[in-house]
Amino acid sequence: MKGIYLTLGVIFFGLGALGAVLPVLPTTPFLLLASACFARGSSRFHRWFTGTRLYEEHLASFAEDRAMTRKTKISLLTLSTSMMLLALFTLPHWSAKLVILASFVFLYYYFLVKIRTLSPEEEEEKA
């Protein structure tokens, strides 16, 4: 099982790294998955991953405080919303559209209520 987790961690880390330079690919969700996989696969890989610059820039504040910068929230919501809108307008079935609308509600609820937004002072402090 550890081998599977490590393999998935490497794949998700690669996708997250690509997402840092490609505007089409989300960074944070893939890095969160990589972190979870590395934590279950190997403590050594998990320590390495949490020491990378990608982790520090995109996940450290969320992992430590369950908080994100305003910029991170906006970029994640913009990408998620655009992809979900694309699916919403292209899917022919009304039941699938309802699932996407429910996902919209959950996504915005979670980001606006459950994840704290770091104030500008906290952002500078973290940097």
N, C-alpha and C. Protein backbone atom coordinates (compact mmCIF):
# COMPACT_ATOMS: atom_id res chain seq x y z
N MET A 1 0.83 -1.19 0.00
CA MET A 1 0.00 0.00 0.00
C MET A 1 0.87 1.25 0.00
N LYS A 2 1.99 1.20 0.72
CA LYS A 2 2.86 2.38 0.79
C LYS A 2 3.38 2.77 -0.59
N GLY A 3 3.68 1.77 -1.41
CA GLY A 3 4.16 2.03 -2.76
C GLY A 3 3.11 2.75 -3.61
N ILE A 4 1.86 2.35 -3.42
CA ILE A 4 0.78 3.00 -4.16
C ILE A 4 0.64 4.45 -3.73
N TYR A 5 0.69 4.69 -2.41
CA TYR A 5 0.59 6.05 -1.91
C TYR A 5 1.75 6.91 -2.40
N LEU A 6 2.96 6.35 -2.41
CA LEU A 6 4.12 7.13 -2.88
C LEU A 6 3.99 7.44 -4.37
N THR A 7 3.54 6.46 -5.14
CA THR A 7 3.35 6.68 -6.58
C THR A 7 2.31 7.76 -6.84
N LEU A 8 1.18 7.66 -6.15
CA LEU A 8 0.15 8.70 -6.29
C LEU A 8 0.67 10.06 -5.82
N GLY A 9 1.45 10.08 -4.75
CA GLY A 9 2.02 11.33 -4.26
C GLY A 9 2.91 11.99 -5.30
N VAL A 10 3.73 11.20 -5.97
CA VAL A 10 4.61 11.74 -7.01
C VAL A 10 3.78 12.27 -8.18
N ILE A 11 2.75 11.54 -8.57
CA ILE A 11 1.89 11.98 -9.68
C ILE A 11 1.19 13.29 -9.32
N PHE A 12 0.59 13.35 -8.13
CA PHE A 12 -0.11 14.57 -7.72
C PHE A 12 0.85 15.73 -7.54
N PHE A 13 2.05 15.46 -7.04
CA PHE A 13 3.05 16.52 -6.90
C PHE A 13 3.41 17.07 -8.28
N GLY A 14 3.60 16.19 -9.25
CA GLY A 14 3.92 16.63 -10.61
C GLY A 14 2.80 17.48 -11.21
N LEU A 15 1.55 17.04 -11.01
CA LEU A 15 0.42 17.82 -11.50
C LEU A 15 0.33 19.17 -10.80
N GLY A 16 0.60 19.18 -9.50
CA GLY A 16 0.60 20.45 -8.76
C GLY A 16 1.70 21.38 -9.22
N ALA A 17 2.87 20.82 -9.51
CA ALA A 17 3.98 21.64 -10.02
C ALA A 17 3.63 22.21 -11.40
N LEU A 18 3.00 21.41 -12.23
CA LEU A 18 2.53 21.91 -13.53
C LEU A 18 1.49 23.01 -13.34
N GLY A 19 0.62 22.83 -12.37
CA GLY A 19 -0.41 23.81 -12.10
C GLY A 19 0.15 25.15 -11.62
N ALA A 20 1.35 25.13 -11.06
CA ALA A 20 1.97 26.37 -10.61
C ALA A 20 2.39 27.24 -11.79
N VAL A 21 2.65 26.62 -12.94
CA VAL A 21 3.09 27.39 -14.11
C VAL A 21 2.03 27.45 -15.21
N LEU A 22 1.08 26.53 -15.22
CA LEU A 22 0.01 26.55 -16.22
C LEU A 22 -1.28 27.07 -15.58
N PRO A 23 -1.86 28.11 -16.14
CA PRO A 23 -3.07 28.67 -15.53
C PRO A 23 -4.30 27.78 -15.62
N VAL A 24 -4.26 26.75 -16.45
CA VAL A 24 -5.43 25.89 -16.65
C VAL A 24 -5.54 24.83 -15.57
N LEU A 25 -4.44 24.45 -14.98
CA LEU A 25 -4.39 23.36 -14.02
C LEU A 25 -4.36 23.90 -12.59
N PRO A 26 -5.22 23.40 -11.72
CA PRO A 26 -5.19 23.89 -10.33
C PRO A 26 -3.98 23.35 -9.58
N THR A 27 -3.39 24.16 -8.74
CA THR A 27 -2.21 23.75 -7.99
C THR A 27 -2.58 23.15 -6.64
N THR A 28 -3.34 23.89 -5.86
CA THR A 28 -3.59 23.52 -4.47
C THR A 28 -4.26 22.16 -4.29
N PRO A 29 -5.31 21.81 -5.03
CA PRO A 29 -5.92 20.49 -4.79
C PRO A 29 -4.95 19.34 -5.04
N PHE A 30 -4.13 19.45 -6.08
CA PHE A 30 -3.17 18.39 -6.35
C PHE A 30 -2.10 18.31 -5.26
N LEU A 31 -1.67 19.46 -4.76
CA LEU A 31 -0.68 19.44 -3.68
C LEU A 31 -1.27 18.90 -2.39
N LEU A 32 -2.54 19.18 -2.14
CA LEU A 32 -3.20 18.60 -0.96
C LEU A 32 -3.25 17.07 -1.07
N LEU A 33 -3.58 16.59 -2.25
CA LEU A 33 -3.60 15.14 -2.46
C LEU A 33 -2.20 14.54 -2.33
N ALA A 34 -1.20 15.25 -2.87
CA ALA A 34 0.19 14.76 -2.75
C ALA A 34 0.59 14.69 -1.29
N SER A 35 0.24 15.71 -0.52
CA SER A 35 0.58 15.73 0.90
C SER A 35 -0.05 14.55 1.64
N ALA A 36 -1.32 14.30 1.36
CA ALA A 36 -2.01 13.18 2.01
C ALA A 36 -1.38 11.85 1.62
N CYS A 37 -1.04 11.70 0.36
CA CYS A 37 -0.43 10.44 -0.10
C CYS A 37 0.96 10.25 0.50
N PHE A 38 1.77 11.32 0.51
CA PHE A 38 3.11 11.20 1.09
C PHE A 38 3.04 10.92 2.59
N ALA A 39 2.08 11.51 3.28
CA ALA A 39 1.95 11.29 4.72
C ALA A 39 1.62 9.82 5.01
N ARG A 40 0.83 9.21 4.16
CA ARG A 40 0.46 7.80 4.36
C ARG A 40 1.51 6.85 3.81
N GLY A 41 2.27 7.32 2.82
CA GLY A 41 3.22 6.44 2.17
C GLY A 41 4.57 6.37 2.86
N SER A 42 5.06 7.52 3.35
CA SER A 42 6.39 7.54 3.95
C SER A 42 6.61 8.85 4.70
N SER A 43 7.06 8.73 5.93
CA SER A 43 7.33 9.95 6.71
C SER A 43 8.49 10.74 6.10
N ARG A 44 9.45 10.04 5.49
CA ARG A 44 10.58 10.73 4.86
C ARG A 44 10.13 11.57 3.67
N PHE A 45 9.28 11.00 2.81
CA PHE A 45 8.74 11.76 1.68
C PHE A 45 7.86 12.92 2.16
N HIS A 46 7.10 12.69 3.21
CA HIS A 46 6.25 13.76 3.74
C HIS A 46 7.10 14.93 4.25
N ARG A 47 8.17 14.63 4.97
CA ARG A 47 9.08 15.70 5.44
C ARG A 47 9.70 16.43 4.26
N TRP A 48 10.10 15.69 3.22
CA TRP A 48 10.66 16.33 2.03
C TRP A 48 9.63 17.25 1.38
N PHE A 49 8.40 16.73 1.21
CA PHE A 49 7.36 17.50 0.54
C PHE A 49 7.03 18.78 1.31
N THR A 50 6.92 18.70 2.63
CA THR A 50 6.58 19.90 3.41
C THR A 50 7.72 20.91 3.44
N GLY A 51 8.89 20.52 2.98
CA GLY A 51 10.01 21.44 2.90
C GLY A 51 10.17 22.10 1.54
N THR A 52 9.36 21.70 0.56
CA THR A 52 9.49 22.28 -0.78
C THR A 52 8.89 23.67 -0.85
N ARG A 53 9.35 24.45 -1.82
CA ARG A 53 8.85 25.81 -2.02
C ARG A 53 7.38 25.80 -2.45
N LEU A 54 7.00 24.83 -3.27
CA LEU A 54 5.60 24.72 -3.69
C LEU A 54 4.67 24.57 -2.49
N TYR A 55 5.05 23.72 -1.57
CA TYR A 55 4.25 23.51 -0.37
C TYR A 55 4.17 24.81 0.43
N GLU A 56 5.29 25.45 0.64
CA GLU A 56 5.33 26.68 1.42
C GLU A 56 4.45 27.77 0.80
N GLU A 57 4.49 27.89 -0.51
CA GLU A 57 3.74 28.96 -1.18
C GLU A 57 2.24 28.68 -1.25
N HIS A 58 1.86 27.42 -1.43
CA HIS A 58 0.47 27.13 -1.71
C HIS A 58 -0.29 26.42 -0.59
N LEU A 59 0.37 25.72 0.29
CA LEU A 59 -0.35 24.92 1.27
C LEU A 59 -0.03 25.19 2.73
N ALA A 60 1.11 25.77 3.00
CA ALA A 60 1.54 25.89 4.39
C ALA A 60 0.50 26.60 5.26
N SER A 61 0.00 27.74 4.80
CA SER A 61 -0.98 28.48 5.61
C SER A 61 -2.26 27.68 5.80
N PHE A 62 -2.67 26.95 4.77
CA PHE A 62 -3.88 26.15 4.89
C PHE A 62 -3.66 24.98 5.85
N ALA A 63 -2.54 24.32 5.73
CA ALA A 63 -2.27 23.15 6.58
C ALA A 63 -2.10 23.55 8.05
N GLU A 64 -1.50 24.71 8.29
CA GLU A 64 -1.24 25.13 9.67
C GLU A 64 -2.46 25.76 10.32
N ASP A 65 -3.15 26.64 9.60
CA ASP A 65 -4.20 27.45 10.21
C ASP A 65 -5.58 27.25 9.60
N ARG A 66 -5.72 26.35 8.62
CA ARG A 66 -6.98 26.24 7.87
C ARG A 66 -7.37 27.61 7.34
N ALA A 67 -6.37 28.31 6.77
CA ALA A 67 -6.58 29.65 6.23
C ALA A 67 -5.82 29.77 4.92
N MET A 68 -6.32 30.65 4.04
CA MET A 68 -5.68 30.91 2.75
C MET A 68 -5.62 32.41 2.53
N THR A 69 -4.71 32.80 1.69
CA THR A 69 -4.65 34.20 1.31
C THR A 69 -5.82 34.49 0.37
N ARG A 70 -6.18 35.75 0.29
CA ARG A 70 -7.27 36.16 -0.60
C ARG A 70 -6.93 35.79 -2.04
N LYS A 71 -5.67 35.99 -2.42
CA LYS A 71 -5.23 35.68 -3.79
C LYS A 71 -5.42 34.19 -4.10
N THR A 72 -5.04 33.32 -3.17
CA THR A 72 -5.18 31.88 -3.37
C THR A 72 -6.64 31.49 -3.49
N LYS A 73 -7.48 32.04 -2.62
CA LYS A 73 -8.91 31.74 -2.68
C LYS A 73 -9.50 32.17 -4.02
N ILE A 74 -9.16 33.38 -4.44
CA ILE A 74 -9.72 33.89 -5.70
C ILE A 74 -9.26 33.04 -6.88
N SER A 75 -7.98 32.67 -6.90
CA SER A 75 -7.49 31.87 -8.03
C SER A 75 -8.15 30.49 -8.06
N LEU A 76 -8.30 29.86 -6.91
CA LEU A 76 -8.95 28.54 -6.86
C LEU A 76 -10.43 28.63 -7.24
N LEU A 77 -11.12 29.63 -6.71
CA LEU A 77 -12.54 29.77 -7.03
C LEU A 77 -12.77 30.14 -8.49
N THR A 78 -11.89 30.96 -9.05
CA THR A 78 -12.02 31.34 -10.45
C THR A 78 -11.88 30.12 -11.35
N LEU A 79 -10.85 29.34 -11.11
CA LEU A 79 -10.64 28.15 -11.93
C LEU A 79 -11.78 27.15 -11.74
N SER A 80 -12.15 26.90 -10.50
CA SER A 80 -13.22 25.93 -10.23
C SER A 80 -14.53 26.38 -10.85
N THR A 81 -14.84 27.65 -10.69
CA THR A 81 -16.10 28.17 -11.23
C THR A 81 -16.13 28.08 -12.75
N SER A 82 -15.03 28.43 -13.40
CA SER A 82 -15.02 28.38 -14.86
C SER A 82 -15.17 26.95 -15.37
N MET A 83 -14.51 26.00 -14.73
CA MET A 83 -14.64 24.60 -15.15
C MET A 83 -16.05 24.07 -14.90
N MET A 84 -16.63 24.44 -13.76
CA MET A 84 -17.97 23.97 -13.44
C MET A 84 -19.02 24.62 -14.34
N LEU A 85 -18.82 25.89 -14.69
CA LEU A 85 -19.75 26.56 -15.62
C LEU A 85 -19.69 25.91 -17.00
N LEU A 86 -18.49 25.57 -17.42
CA LEU A 86 -18.34 24.89 -18.70
C LEU A 86 -19.14 23.58 -18.71
N ALA A 87 -18.99 22.82 -17.64
CA ALA A 87 -19.73 21.57 -17.53
C ALA A 87 -21.23 21.82 -17.44
N LEU A 88 -21.62 22.84 -16.68
CA LEU A 88 -23.03 23.15 -16.50
C LEU A 88 -23.71 23.46 -17.82
N PHE A 89 -23.04 24.22 -18.67
CA PHE A 89 -23.66 24.62 -19.93
C PHE A 89 -23.54 23.56 -21.04
N THR A 90 -22.65 22.60 -20.87
CA THR A 90 -22.49 21.60 -21.93
C THR A 90 -23.21 20.29 -21.63
N LEU A 91 -23.52 20.03 -20.38
CA LEU A 91 -24.22 18.78 -20.05
C LEU A 91 -25.69 18.87 -20.44
N PRO A 92 -26.21 17.83 -21.09
CA PRO A 92 -27.60 17.87 -21.53
C PRO A 92 -28.61 17.46 -20.44
N HIS A 93 -28.18 16.73 -19.45
CA HIS A 93 -29.10 16.17 -18.45
C HIS A 93 -29.31 17.13 -17.30
N TRP A 94 -30.56 17.34 -16.94
CA TRP A 94 -30.87 18.27 -15.86
C TRP A 94 -30.39 17.74 -14.50
N SER A 95 -30.35 16.42 -14.34
CA SER A 95 -29.90 15.86 -13.06
C SER A 95 -28.41 16.15 -12.84
N ALA A 96 -27.62 16.08 -13.90
CA ALA A 96 -26.20 16.41 -13.79
C ALA A 96 -26.02 17.89 -13.49
N LYS A 97 -26.87 18.72 -14.08
CA LYS A 97 -26.81 20.16 -13.82
C LYS A 97 -27.14 20.47 -12.36
N LEU A 98 -28.07 19.72 -11.79
CA LEU A 98 -28.40 19.90 -10.37
C LEU A 98 -27.22 19.53 -9.47
N VAL A 99 -26.52 18.48 -9.84
CA VAL A 99 -25.34 18.06 -9.07
C VAL A 99 -24.28 19.16 -9.13
N ILE A 100 -24.07 19.75 -10.29
CA ILE A 100 -23.09 20.81 -10.43
C ILE A 100 -23.52 22.04 -9.64
N LEU A 101 -24.80 22.38 -9.68
CA LEU A 101 -25.28 23.53 -8.90
C LEU A 101 -25.11 23.29 -7.40
N ALA A 102 -25.37 22.07 -6.95
CA ALA A 102 -25.17 21.74 -5.54
C ALA A 102 -23.68 21.82 -5.19
N SER A 103 -22.82 21.43 -6.12
CA SER A 103 -21.38 21.53 -5.91
C SER A 103 -20.95 22.99 -5.80
N PHE A 104 -21.56 23.85 -6.62
CA PHE A 104 -21.29 25.29 -6.52
C PHE A 104 -21.60 25.80 -5.12
N VAL A 105 -22.78 25.46 -4.64
CA VAL A 105 -23.20 25.92 -3.31
C VAL A 105 -22.22 25.43 -2.25
N PHE A 106 -21.87 24.16 -2.30
CA PHE A 106 -20.93 23.61 -1.32
C PHE A 106 -19.56 24.26 -1.42
N LEU A 107 -19.06 24.43 -2.65
CA LEU A 107 -17.75 25.02 -2.86
C LEU A 107 -17.67 26.42 -2.27
N TYR A 108 -18.63 27.26 -2.60
CA TYR A 108 -18.60 28.64 -2.10
C TYR A 108 -18.86 28.70 -0.60
N TYR A 109 -19.74 27.85 -0.10
CA TYR A 109 -19.95 27.79 1.35
C TYR A 109 -18.65 27.43 2.06
N TYR A 110 -17.99 26.39 1.57
CA TYR A 110 -16.77 25.93 2.21
C TYR A 110 -15.68 27.00 2.17
N PHE A 111 -15.48 27.60 1.01
CA PHE A 111 -14.41 28.59 0.88
C PHE A 111 -14.72 29.87 1.66
N LEU A 112 -15.97 30.28 1.70
CA LEU A 112 -16.29 31.53 2.36
C LEU A 112 -16.54 31.39 3.85
N VAL A 113 -16.99 30.23 4.29
CA VAL A 113 -17.32 30.05 5.70
C VAL A 113 -16.29 29.21 6.46
N LYS A 114 -15.84 28.13 5.88
CA LYS A 114 -14.98 27.19 6.59
C LYS A 114 -13.50 27.51 6.51
N ILE A 115 -13.06 28.17 5.45
CA ILE A 115 -11.64 28.50 5.31
C ILE A 115 -11.46 29.98 5.59
N ARG A 116 -10.72 30.28 6.62
CA ARG A 116 -10.49 31.67 7.01
C ARG A 116 -9.58 32.35 5.99
N THR A 117 -9.88 33.63 5.72
CA THR A 117 -9.05 34.42 4.82
C THR A 117 -8.03 35.19 5.65
N LEU A 118 -6.76 35.03 5.29
CA LEU A 118 -5.71 35.74 6.02
C LEU A 118 -5.79 37.23 5.73
N SER A 119 -5.64 38.04 6.78
CA SER A 119 -5.62 39.48 6.60
C SER A 119 -4.29 39.88 5.95
N PRO A 120 -4.21 41.09 5.36
CA PRO A 120 -2.94 41.52 4.75
C PRO A 120 -1.77 41.48 5.73
N GLU A 121 -2.03 41.79 6.99
CA GLU A 121 -0.96 41.75 8.00
C GLU A 121 -0.47 40.32 8.21
N GLU A 122 -1.42 39.39 8.27
CA GLU A 122 -1.05 37.97 8.43
C GLU A 122 -0.32 37.45 7.21
N GLU A 123 -0.71 37.92 6.01
CA GLU A 123 -0.03 37.50 4.78
C GLU A 123 1.43 37.95 4.81
N GLU A 124 1.67 39.20 5.22
CA GLU A 124 3.04 39.70 5.29
C GLU A 124 3.84 38.96 6.34
N GLU A 125 3.18 38.65 7.45
CA GLU A 125 3.84 37.92 8.53
C GLU A 125 4.28 36.53 8.08
N LYS A 126 3.43 35.87 7.28
CA LYS A 126 3.73 34.53 6.79
C LYS A 126 4.82 34.54 5.74
N ALA A 127 4.91 35.63 4.98
CA ALA A 127 5.88 35.71 3.87
C ALA A 127 7.30 35.86 4.33
